[in-house]
Every structure is written in C-alpha cells, then in structure tokens.
Amino acid sequence: METLNKATMEEMLSTPNRLLVGAGPGNLDPRVARALTLPLLSHLDPSFWEIMDSTADLLRQVFRTENDATLLLPATGMAGMETMFANLIEPGDKALIGHSGHFGSLMVEVASRQGAEVTEIQGPEDGAIDEEEFIEKLDSDDFAVAATVHAETATGTFQSVQKVAAACQERDTLFLMDAVTSLGGMDVRVDDWGVDACYSGTQKCLSIPSGGSPITFGERAMRKVRNRKQKPCTYYFDIQELMRYWSGGMEKSYHHTAAIPLVYATHEALRVLLEEGLENAFERHIRCSKLLLEEIEPLGFKPFAQPEYRLPMITAVTMPEGLNAKDVRTRLREEWNIETDLGLGEIAEKILRIGLKGYSAQPRNAAYVTLALSTMVGAA
C-alpha cells in the first residue's frame, strides 16, 4: 500500500465553490453551514433529544400538519418513498400510482417490490394527470393506496393533488404523496388536503445537505400500520420503531445512531424558512423562476413544461438550435462554475434543468445563469 508523505497528509481537503443551481443540492445559507460545525452530542443525550423534539415541531409547521408521526429519516428522499410503501402496503394490496416522470415511475417499482398489485395512470412528461381522470381510475377498483409525485424533479412539472386526496378521503383509500422538491418551495398542506402520508428530501427547497428525508404519517395511515397482518419487511424504516425514538420526550427508545449534524442543520434551516415566512418563500421562488424565463426565452431556451404545470423551483428548458444540453451543462460547470442538471430517463439529454430553489433562489443567481447562457448562444 502506498504511504502518504507528510506534505500530502497536511493538505486540507478542498472542493470547488460552485453555484449549485441543478436539480439536486443547492448552496447553504451561512446559518445552516454554521449549524453543521456545532459540537457533536450523543444520539442519546437529553440535550440532543430536545433538538429532535423541536425539529419535529418545526417540520409539522412546514408540512402544515398536526401529525404526531412526523420526523426526519436519516437517509435520502428515496428512503422516504421506501418507508411510506413498506409501512402502508402489504402483499396483495392494490395500489393506484399516477406519474408523469422518472420519480413517479420509481414509485411503481418500489410499491411493486412491497408486493402491491399496481395500476398505473400516466400523464404527459411536459404536464400532469387530469384529476378527474385520476378519480375515475380510482373508482375502477378497490385500491388500498393511491400515490403520486407533487413536483416531478425530472421534468420540472407540477401535479395538482387536492381533488384526488379529497376523493381518497371519501373512500377507504390512503393518499400518499412525494413532496421531495415541493416542500418549502410551494404550498404543501398535508392536513387541509387530506394527505395520509408524505415525504420530502432535505437537499431541495429546504437547503440542507442531502441525506435526510422529512416524513409524516396521519392517523389513517398509522391505523393501517397498527392493523397490519404482519410486520413490515424492514426494521430500519419501520415507522413505529422510528417513532419510539422520535417521540416520548425524555423517554425515547434507541433505534439508530442519529445523523447528529444533519439534525442540527435541519433545525436551523427550518427556522430560517419559517422566519422568512412560507408564503414569502413561495413568492420568492416564483419571482426567480419568472425572472430567469423572461431573460432566457428570447435567447432560444424554451420551457419544457406546459405553462400551467411548470414548477417554480426547477426550470426545465430545451436548447436553442445549434446547442446540445450535455455540452451546455459541461460548459456551465467548467467555464462559469455553475452546476445544473440534464433530464432523467428518455429525455435525459433533451433538456437542461436549472434549480433556483431554497437559498439558491436569488435574483442574482438568475441573472448570473442568464449571463452564462447568453455567451453560449452568441458563440453557437
């Protein structure tokens, strides 16, 4: 094995300081970055338990719910999807899953692996499923759960859910929702809409490092969990086991060693968001998205999503004639230190995804991206 010399060992790890405006992580608010450096506590320290309880309360405010079963999973947003389906589906359950993009199709895969008999309803990649069509399909069978993605990261599209959620409340069907990209950047109302279970991710509009998944289960969902014929096929993502650690005040039961700095960062990021005000944050995302599109559309970058289905935090655009999305992304990174993303799935190299979300949703960032793209159009 090669031995590291003293000079190499003394070098500090360094990374490029990029403007992160892709579909994934964004730049951190300085307050969140500072929270990551706070002294470590034990995951069983009563002082840390107080932070956990406060974090759960803050998550309830952002999810707009009173659900007791609200917590931060120590894993990414896909773990939120796994947790939701692993707890709420038993083999043979029928599931209706609506999707218009990559992450909705992953719901089909994950639910199927839990033994669900899945019926799919698919919308256009540049739009969404009509809610009346969704409800009509809901009435076609005895579905235990219905699920969809609120904000499809892969295409920059928005799925309206209120009517479908209300229809599920009128039936013996649980409504499950992916809010990985929408939470903190657009209106999410778990209780008012009748969403039975919902999960998100820390790295999108909440502007926290990746690795965490906020999740909430309502009473109807928890009743299904308690009345299962057999335990979920997972221990780590068993919501009842997780709640023994996240609930109970100073009487918590050990379940896992928490990602301590991530909980610190989540607590601080939620405080930052709520201090700004949810409605103000939503308006900021809309304002930045409009500013970006107003400047880059005349350059030939056309919105991929239909107007009524466009997300404010992920702007997906097609390329002007003479430009290739993959080349544009590479040049943005190498020449301008800007991180963006291509699409996912069949449209992978057809679109560029620009994520002005969370702390990165700033007018100056929209202007900087516009400047960089304008130089490429001029050189094409």
Protein backbone atom coordinates (compact mmCIF):
# COMPACT_ATOMS: atom_id res chain seq x y z
CA MET A 1 0.00 0.00 0.00
CA GLU A 2 1.33 3.43 -0.93
CA THR A 3 2.39 5.51 2.06
CA LEU A 4 1.20 9.11 2.25
CA ASN A 5 4.04 11.56 2.73
CA LYS A 6 3.88 14.29 5.34
CA ALA A 7 3.15 17.05 2.82
CA THR A 8 0.19 15.15 1.40
CA MET A 9 -1.21 14.39 4.84
CA GLU A 10 -1.03 18.05 5.82
CA GLU A 11 -3.04 19.20 2.80
CA MET A 12 -6.61 20.10 3.61
CA LEU A 13 -9.46 18.67 1.60
CA SER A 14 -10.75 21.28 -0.83
CA THR A 15 -13.62 21.41 -3.32
CA PRO A 16 -14.73 23.90 -5.98
CA ASN A 17 -17.05 26.59 -4.66
CA ARG A 18 -19.76 26.19 -7.29
CA LEU A 19 -23.09 27.92 -7.75
CA LEU A 20 -25.41 24.95 -7.23
CA VAL A 21 -28.50 25.50 -9.37
CA GLY A 22 -29.16 21.98 -10.56
CA ALA A 23 -31.96 19.64 -9.58
CA GLY A 24 -30.02 18.31 -6.61
CA PRO A 25 -28.39 20.05 -3.65
CA GLY A 26 -28.29 23.84 -3.54
CA ASN A 27 -25.99 26.23 -1.74
CA LEU A 28 -26.33 26.51 2.03
CA ASP A 29 -27.46 29.51 3.99
CA PRO A 30 -24.49 30.56 6.18
CA ARG A 31 -26.58 29.85 9.28
CA VAL A 32 -27.12 26.26 8.14
CA ALA A 33 -23.41 25.85 7.31
CA ARG A 34 -22.55 27.06 10.81
CA ALA A 35 -25.01 24.61 12.39
CA LEU A 36 -23.10 21.75 10.78
CA THR A 37 -19.99 22.71 12.79
CA LEU A 38 -21.63 22.71 16.23
CA PRO A 39 -20.11 20.31 18.79
CA LEU A 40 -21.32 16.75 18.47
CA LEU A 41 -23.66 15.30 21.07
CA SER A 42 -24.56 11.68 21.66
CA HIS A 43 -27.75 10.49 19.97
CA LEU A 44 -28.92 9.57 23.49
CA ASP A 45 -28.07 12.92 25.09
CA PRO A 46 -31.16 14.63 26.57
CA SER A 47 -29.89 17.91 25.10
CA PHE A 48 -29.99 16.35 21.64
CA TRP A 49 -33.44 14.90 22.34
CA GLU A 50 -34.68 18.44 22.93
CA ILE A 51 -33.33 19.41 19.49
CA MET A 52 -35.07 16.37 17.96
CA ASP A 53 -38.41 17.33 19.51
CA SER A 54 -38.03 20.92 18.35
CA THR A 55 -37.09 19.76 14.84
CA ALA A 56 -40.23 17.60 14.67
CA ASP A 57 -42.34 20.60 15.72
CA LEU A 58 -40.75 22.73 13.01
CA LEU A 59 -41.36 20.02 10.41
CA ARG A 60 -45.04 19.97 11.37
CA GLN A 61 -45.23 23.69 10.66
CA VAL A 62 -43.64 23.29 7.22
CA PHE A 63 -45.74 20.23 6.32
CA ARG A 64 -48.73 22.12 7.76
CA THR A 65 -49.84 19.18 9.83
CA GLU A 66 -50.61 18.16 13.39
CA ASN A 67 -49.45 14.58 12.80
CA ASP A 68 -47.59 13.07 15.76
CA ALA A 69 -45.72 10.75 13.40
CA THR A 70 -43.55 13.47 11.87
CA LEU A 71 -39.78 13.04 11.88
CA LEU A 72 -36.52 13.19 9.94
CA LEU A 73 -35.36 9.91 8.44
CA PRO A 74 -31.56 9.51 8.48
CA ALA A 75 -31.49 8.76 4.74
CA THR A 76 -32.30 10.45 1.42
CA GLY A 77 -35.70 11.10 -0.13
CA MET A 78 -35.80 7.66 -1.73
CA ALA A 79 -35.79 6.28 1.82
CA GLY A 80 -38.92 8.33 2.43
CA MET A 81 -40.55 6.56 -0.51
CA GLU A 82 -39.38 3.15 0.78
CA THR A 83 -40.65 3.93 4.29
CA MET A 84 -44.04 5.04 3.05
CA PHE A 85 -44.68 1.97 0.91
CA ALA A 86 -43.02 -0.54 3.25
CA ASN A 87 -45.32 0.50 6.09
CA LEU A 88 -48.55 1.08 4.17
CA ILE A 89 -48.57 -1.79 1.69
CA GLU A 90 -48.99 -5.47 2.44
CA PRO A 91 -48.60 -8.19 -0.20
CA GLY A 92 -51.67 -8.26 -2.40
CA ASP A 93 -52.78 -4.69 -1.69
CA LYS A 94 -53.91 -2.80 -4.74
CA ALA A 95 -52.16 0.49 -5.45
CA LEU A 96 -53.02 3.22 -7.95
CA ILE A 97 -49.95 5.24 -8.87
CA GLY A 98 -50.09 8.28 -11.11
CA HIS A 99 -46.88 9.52 -12.69
CA SER A 100 -45.52 11.81 -15.38
CA GLY A 101 -41.80 11.30 -14.95
CA HIS A 102 -38.86 9.38 -13.52
CA PHE A 103 -39.64 9.61 -9.82
CA GLY A 104 -43.28 8.70 -10.28
CA SER A 105 -42.20 5.60 -12.19
CA LEU A 106 -39.91 4.73 -9.28
CA MET A 107 -43.00 4.71 -7.07
CA VAL A 108 -44.33 1.89 -9.25
CA GLU A 109 -41.10 -0.05 -8.80
CA VAL A 110 -40.92 0.41 -5.04
CA ALA A 111 -44.60 -0.39 -4.44
CA SER A 112 -44.31 -3.50 -6.61
CA ARG A 113 -41.34 -4.72 -4.58
CA GLN A 114 -43.52 -4.48 -1.47
CA GLY A 115 -45.98 -6.89 -3.07
CA ALA A 116 -48.56 -4.40 -4.31
CA GLU A 117 -50.71 -5.04 -7.36
CA VAL A 118 -50.02 -1.73 -9.11
CA THR A 119 -52.28 0.02 -11.57
CA GLU A 120 -50.55 2.90 -13.35
CA ILE A 121 -52.05 6.08 -14.70
CA GLN A 122 -49.60 8.08 -16.77
CA GLY A 123 -49.63 11.72 -17.72
CA PRO A 124 -47.55 13.56 -20.33
CA GLU A 125 -43.91 14.29 -19.46
CA ASP A 126 -44.47 18.02 -20.02
CA GLY A 127 -47.69 18.13 -18.00
CA ALA A 128 -49.75 16.26 -15.43
CA ILE A 129 -52.61 13.82 -14.99
CA ASP A 130 -56.08 15.33 -15.07
CA GLU A 131 -57.51 14.96 -11.56
CA GLU A 132 -60.92 13.87 -12.82
CA GLU A 133 -59.24 11.13 -14.85
CA PHE A 134 -57.30 10.13 -11.73
CA ILE A 135 -60.52 9.91 -9.69
CA GLU A 136 -62.28 7.94 -12.43
CA LYS A 137 -59.47 5.40 -12.32
CA LEU A 138 -59.67 5.40 -8.52
CA ASP A 139 -63.28 4.19 -8.80
CA SER A 140 -62.33 1.33 -11.10
CA ASP A 141 -61.07 -0.95 -8.32
CA ASP A 142 -60.69 -1.35 -4.56
CA PHE A 143 -57.38 0.43 -4.04
CA ALA A 144 -55.68 0.35 -0.63
CA VAL A 145 -53.46 3.29 -1.57
CA ALA A 146 -53.18 5.94 -4.27
CA ALA A 147 -49.94 7.83 -4.76
CA THR A 148 -48.31 10.47 -6.91
CA VAL A 149 -45.42 12.93 -7.05
CA HIS A 150 -46.41 16.51 -6.24
CA ALA A 151 -43.41 18.07 -8.01
CA GLU A 152 -41.68 15.90 -10.61
CA THR A 153 -38.00 16.80 -10.35
CA ALA A 154 -37.08 15.02 -13.57
CA THR A 155 -39.24 17.21 -15.81
CA GLY A 156 -39.92 20.37 -13.81
CA THR A 157 -43.66 19.69 -13.73
CA PHE A 158 -46.35 20.08 -11.07
CA GLN A 159 -49.19 17.68 -10.27
CA SER A 160 -52.31 19.09 -8.61
CA VAL A 161 -53.46 16.72 -5.86
CA GLN A 162 -56.23 18.34 -3.80
CA LYS A 163 -59.18 16.73 -5.61
CA VAL A 164 -57.57 13.29 -5.67
CA ALA A 165 -56.67 13.50 -1.98
CA ALA A 166 -60.22 14.54 -1.12
CA ALA A 167 -61.61 11.65 -3.18
CA CYS A 168 -59.35 9.22 -1.32
CA GLN A 169 -60.62 10.58 1.99
CA GLU A 170 -64.17 9.71 0.89
CA ARG A 171 -63.08 6.13 0.17
CA ASP A 172 -61.11 3.56 2.12
CA THR A 173 -58.00 4.56 0.19
CA LEU A 174 -54.87 6.14 1.65
CA PHE A 175 -53.43 9.04 -0.36
CA LEU A 176 -49.61 9.12 -0.41
CA MET A 177 -47.51 11.97 -1.78
CA ASP A 178 -43.92 12.70 -2.76
CA ALA A 179 -43.02 16.28 -1.80
CA VAL A 180 -39.25 15.93 -2.21
CA THR A 181 -38.94 19.00 -4.42
CA SER A 182 -42.04 20.96 -3.41
CA LEU A 183 -41.72 21.17 0.39
CA GLY A 184 -40.53 24.64 1.36
CA GLY A 185 -40.78 26.00 -2.19
CA MET A 186 -44.50 25.82 -2.90
CA ASP A 187 -47.70 25.22 -0.98
CA VAL A 188 -47.93 21.82 0.74
CA ARG A 189 -50.88 21.35 3.10
CA VAL A 190 -50.90 17.81 4.46
CA ASP A 191 -53.88 18.21 6.81
CA ASP A 192 -56.04 20.57 4.75
CA TRP A 193 -55.68 18.47 1.60
CA GLY A 194 -56.14 15.12 3.32
CA VAL A 195 -52.71 13.64 2.54
CA ASP A 196 -52.31 10.47 4.61
CA ALA A 197 -48.54 10.16 4.25
CA CYS A 198 -45.96 12.47 2.74
CA TYR A 199 -42.18 12.55 2.49
CA SER A 200 -39.60 15.01 1.26
CA GLY A 201 -35.83 15.44 0.96
CA THR A 202 -33.52 17.80 2.79
CA GLN A 203 -31.45 18.93 -0.21
CA LYS A 204 -34.08 20.70 -2.32
CA CYS A 205 -36.04 23.78 -1.20
CA LEU A 206 -35.14 23.24 2.45
CA SER A 207 -31.47 23.93 1.58
CA ILE A 208 -29.97 21.29 3.84
CA PRO A 209 -27.26 18.81 2.78
CA SER A 210 -28.58 15.61 1.26
CA GLY A 211 -29.00 12.58 3.49
CA GLY A 212 -32.28 13.31 5.25
CA SER A 213 -35.93 12.69 4.46
CA PRO A 214 -38.66 14.52 6.40
CA ILE A 215 -41.72 12.31 6.60
CA THR A 216 -45.18 12.48 8.15
CA PHE A 217 -47.91 9.86 8.65
CA GLY A 218 -51.50 10.83 9.51
CA GLU A 219 -53.89 8.94 11.75
CA ARG A 220 -55.50 6.95 8.93
CA ALA A 221 -52.06 5.81 7.82
CA MET A 222 -50.97 4.92 11.35
CA ARG A 223 -54.18 2.93 11.83
CA LYS A 224 -53.22 0.88 8.76
CA VAL A 225 -49.74 0.38 10.24
CA ARG A 226 -51.09 -0.78 13.61
CA ASN A 227 -53.56 -3.18 11.97
CA ARG A 228 -51.11 -4.90 9.61
CA LYS A 229 -51.35 -8.68 9.41
CA GLN A 230 -47.57 -8.92 9.61
CA LYS A 231 -44.74 -6.57 10.48
CA PRO A 232 -43.15 -4.52 7.69
CA CYS A 233 -40.26 -6.29 5.96
CA THR A 234 -37.92 -3.58 7.22
CA TYR A 235 -36.76 -2.74 10.73
CA TYR A 236 -34.78 0.38 9.96
CA PHE A 237 -37.71 2.04 8.17
CA ASP A 238 -40.47 0.70 10.44
CA ILE A 239 -42.39 3.87 11.30
CA GLN A 240 -43.46 2.54 14.70
CA GLU A 241 -39.86 1.71 15.64
CA LEU A 242 -38.73 5.13 14.39
CA MET A 243 -41.42 6.85 16.44
CA ARG A 244 -40.23 5.15 19.63
CA TYR A 245 -37.03 7.14 19.15
CA TRP A 246 -38.57 10.38 17.84
CA SER A 247 -41.49 10.61 20.26
CA GLY A 248 -41.73 10.22 24.00
CA GLY A 249 -39.96 13.38 25.14
CA MET A 250 -37.24 12.30 27.55
CA GLU A 251 -38.37 8.64 27.43
CA LYS A 252 -37.08 7.82 23.97
CA SER A 253 -36.05 4.30 22.95
CA TYR A 254 -32.86 3.66 20.99
CA HIS A 255 -33.43 2.83 17.32
CA HIS A 256 -30.40 4.09 15.44
CA THR A 257 -27.45 6.43 15.85
CA ALA A 258 -28.81 9.70 14.51
CA ALA A 259 -27.00 11.82 11.92
CA ILE A 260 -26.39 14.49 14.54
CA PRO A 261 -25.05 17.36 12.35
CA LEU A 262 -27.82 16.76 9.80
CA VAL A 263 -30.45 17.20 12.53
CA TYR A 264 -28.70 20.43 13.61
CA ALA A 265 -28.74 21.68 10.01
CA THR A 266 -32.37 20.70 9.53
CA HIS A 267 -33.41 22.51 12.70
CA GLU A 268 -31.63 25.70 11.64
CA ALA A 269 -32.83 25.57 8.02
CA LEU A 270 -36.45 25.18 9.13
CA ARG A 271 -36.03 28.16 11.45
CA VAL A 272 -34.64 30.23 8.56
CA LEU A 273 -37.57 29.23 6.36
CA LEU A 274 -40.22 29.95 8.95
CA GLU A 275 -38.64 33.28 9.88
CA GLU A 276 -38.92 34.31 6.22
CA GLY A 277 -42.49 33.01 6.17
CA LEU A 278 -43.73 30.17 3.97
CA GLU A 279 -45.78 32.42 1.70
CA ASN A 280 -42.83 34.78 1.23
CA ALA A 281 -40.59 31.83 0.34
CA PHE A 282 -43.12 30.56 -2.21
CA GLU A 283 -43.32 34.01 -3.79
CA ARG A 284 -39.52 34.27 -3.94
CA HIS A 285 -39.33 31.01 -5.89
CA ILE A 286 -41.98 32.19 -8.35
CA ARG A 287 -40.27 35.54 -8.79
CA CYS A 288 -36.87 33.99 -9.54
CA SER A 289 -38.33 31.47 -11.97
CA LYS A 290 -40.16 34.20 -13.88
CA LEU A 291 -37.06 36.39 -13.96
CA LEU A 292 -34.99 33.53 -15.38
CA LEU A 293 -37.50 32.60 -18.07
CA GLU A 294 -38.09 36.20 -19.12
CA GLU A 295 -34.37 36.54 -19.82
CA ILE A 296 -33.50 33.18 -21.41
CA GLU A 297 -36.58 32.56 -23.57
CA PRO A 298 -35.55 35.32 -26.03
CA LEU A 299 -32.19 33.51 -26.27
CA GLY A 300 -33.95 30.39 -27.56
CA PHE A 301 -34.15 28.35 -24.35
CA LYS A 302 -37.78 27.20 -24.33
CA PRO A 303 -39.66 25.90 -21.27
CA PHE A 304 -40.20 22.15 -21.47
CA ALA A 305 -43.31 22.05 -19.27
CA GLN A 306 -46.70 23.38 -20.28
CA PRO A 307 -47.34 26.80 -18.63
CA GLU A 308 -49.95 25.62 -16.12
CA TYR A 309 -47.72 22.76 -14.91
CA ARG A 310 -44.34 24.50 -14.54
CA LEU A 311 -42.53 24.24 -11.24
CA PRO A 312 -41.15 27.48 -9.79
CA MET A 313 -38.06 25.79 -8.32
CA ILE A 314 -36.97 23.58 -11.25
CA THR A 315 -36.97 25.23 -14.67
CA ALA A 316 -36.53 22.66 -17.44
CA VAL A 317 -35.67 24.10 -20.85
CA THR A 318 -34.93 22.81 -24.34
CA MET A 319 -31.92 24.10 -26.26
CA PRO A 320 -31.69 26.73 -29.00
CA GLU A 321 -30.74 25.43 -32.43
CA GLY A 322 -27.05 24.62 -32.52
CA LEU A 323 -26.67 23.83 -28.82
CA ASN A 324 -26.63 20.47 -27.06
CA ALA A 325 -27.85 20.20 -23.46
CA LYS A 326 -24.98 17.96 -22.39
CA ASP A 327 -22.39 20.36 -23.83
CA VAL A 328 -24.12 23.37 -22.26
CA ARG A 329 -24.10 21.73 -18.84
CA THR A 330 -20.40 20.92 -19.14
CA ARG A 331 -19.52 24.45 -20.24
CA LEU A 332 -21.54 25.99 -17.44
CA ARG A 333 -19.55 23.96 -14.93
CA GLU A 334 -16.10 24.33 -16.49
CA GLU A 335 -16.31 27.95 -17.67
CA TRP A 336 -18.70 29.52 -15.16
CA ASN A 337 -18.51 27.25 -12.11
CA ILE A 338 -22.29 26.71 -12.34
CA GLU A 339 -23.79 23.30 -11.61
CA THR A 340 -27.00 22.42 -13.50
CA ASP A 341 -28.54 19.08 -14.48
CA LEU A 342 -29.77 17.23 -17.53
CA GLY A 343 -33.12 15.46 -17.59
CA LEU A 344 -33.68 11.88 -16.43
CA GLY A 345 -34.92 8.88 -18.36
CA GLU A 346 -35.78 9.17 -22.04
CA ILE A 347 -35.44 12.95 -22.03
CA ALA A 348 -32.02 12.86 -20.35
CA GLU A 349 -30.15 14.93 -22.93
CA LYS A 350 -33.09 16.84 -24.37
CA ILE A 351 -33.45 19.32 -21.51
CA LEU A 352 -31.37 21.31 -19.07
CA ARG A 353 -32.75 21.63 -15.54
CA ILE A 354 -32.00 24.86 -13.67
CA GLY A 355 -32.88 24.74 -9.99
CA LEU A 356 -33.39 28.13 -8.36
CA LYS A 357 -34.57 26.66 -5.07
CA GLY A 358 -34.14 27.23 -1.37
CA TYR A 359 -31.22 29.51 -0.55
CA SER A 360 -30.17 29.37 -4.23
CA ALA A 361 -33.45 31.03 -5.28
CA GLN A 362 -31.93 34.50 -5.52
CA PRO A 363 -32.40 37.06 -8.34
CA ARG A 364 -28.62 37.45 -8.64
CA ASN A 365 -28.33 33.74 -9.41
CA ALA A 366 -30.96 34.01 -12.14
CA ALA A 367 -29.01 36.91 -13.62
CA TYR A 368 -25.69 35.05 -13.47
CA VAL A 369 -27.10 31.94 -15.17
CA THR A 370 -28.66 34.16 -17.84
CA LEU A 371 -25.31 35.85 -18.50
CA ALA A 372 -23.55 32.50 -18.85
CA LEU A 373 -26.16 31.09 -21.22
CA SER A 374 -26.17 34.25 -23.34
CA THR A 375 -22.46 33.84 -24.13
CA MET A 376 -23.09 30.32 -25.40
CA VAL A 377 -25.90 31.40 -27.70
CA GLY A 378 -23.68 34.11 -29.12
CA ALA A 379 -20.93 31.61 -29.83
CA ALA A 380 -23.18 28.90 -31.33
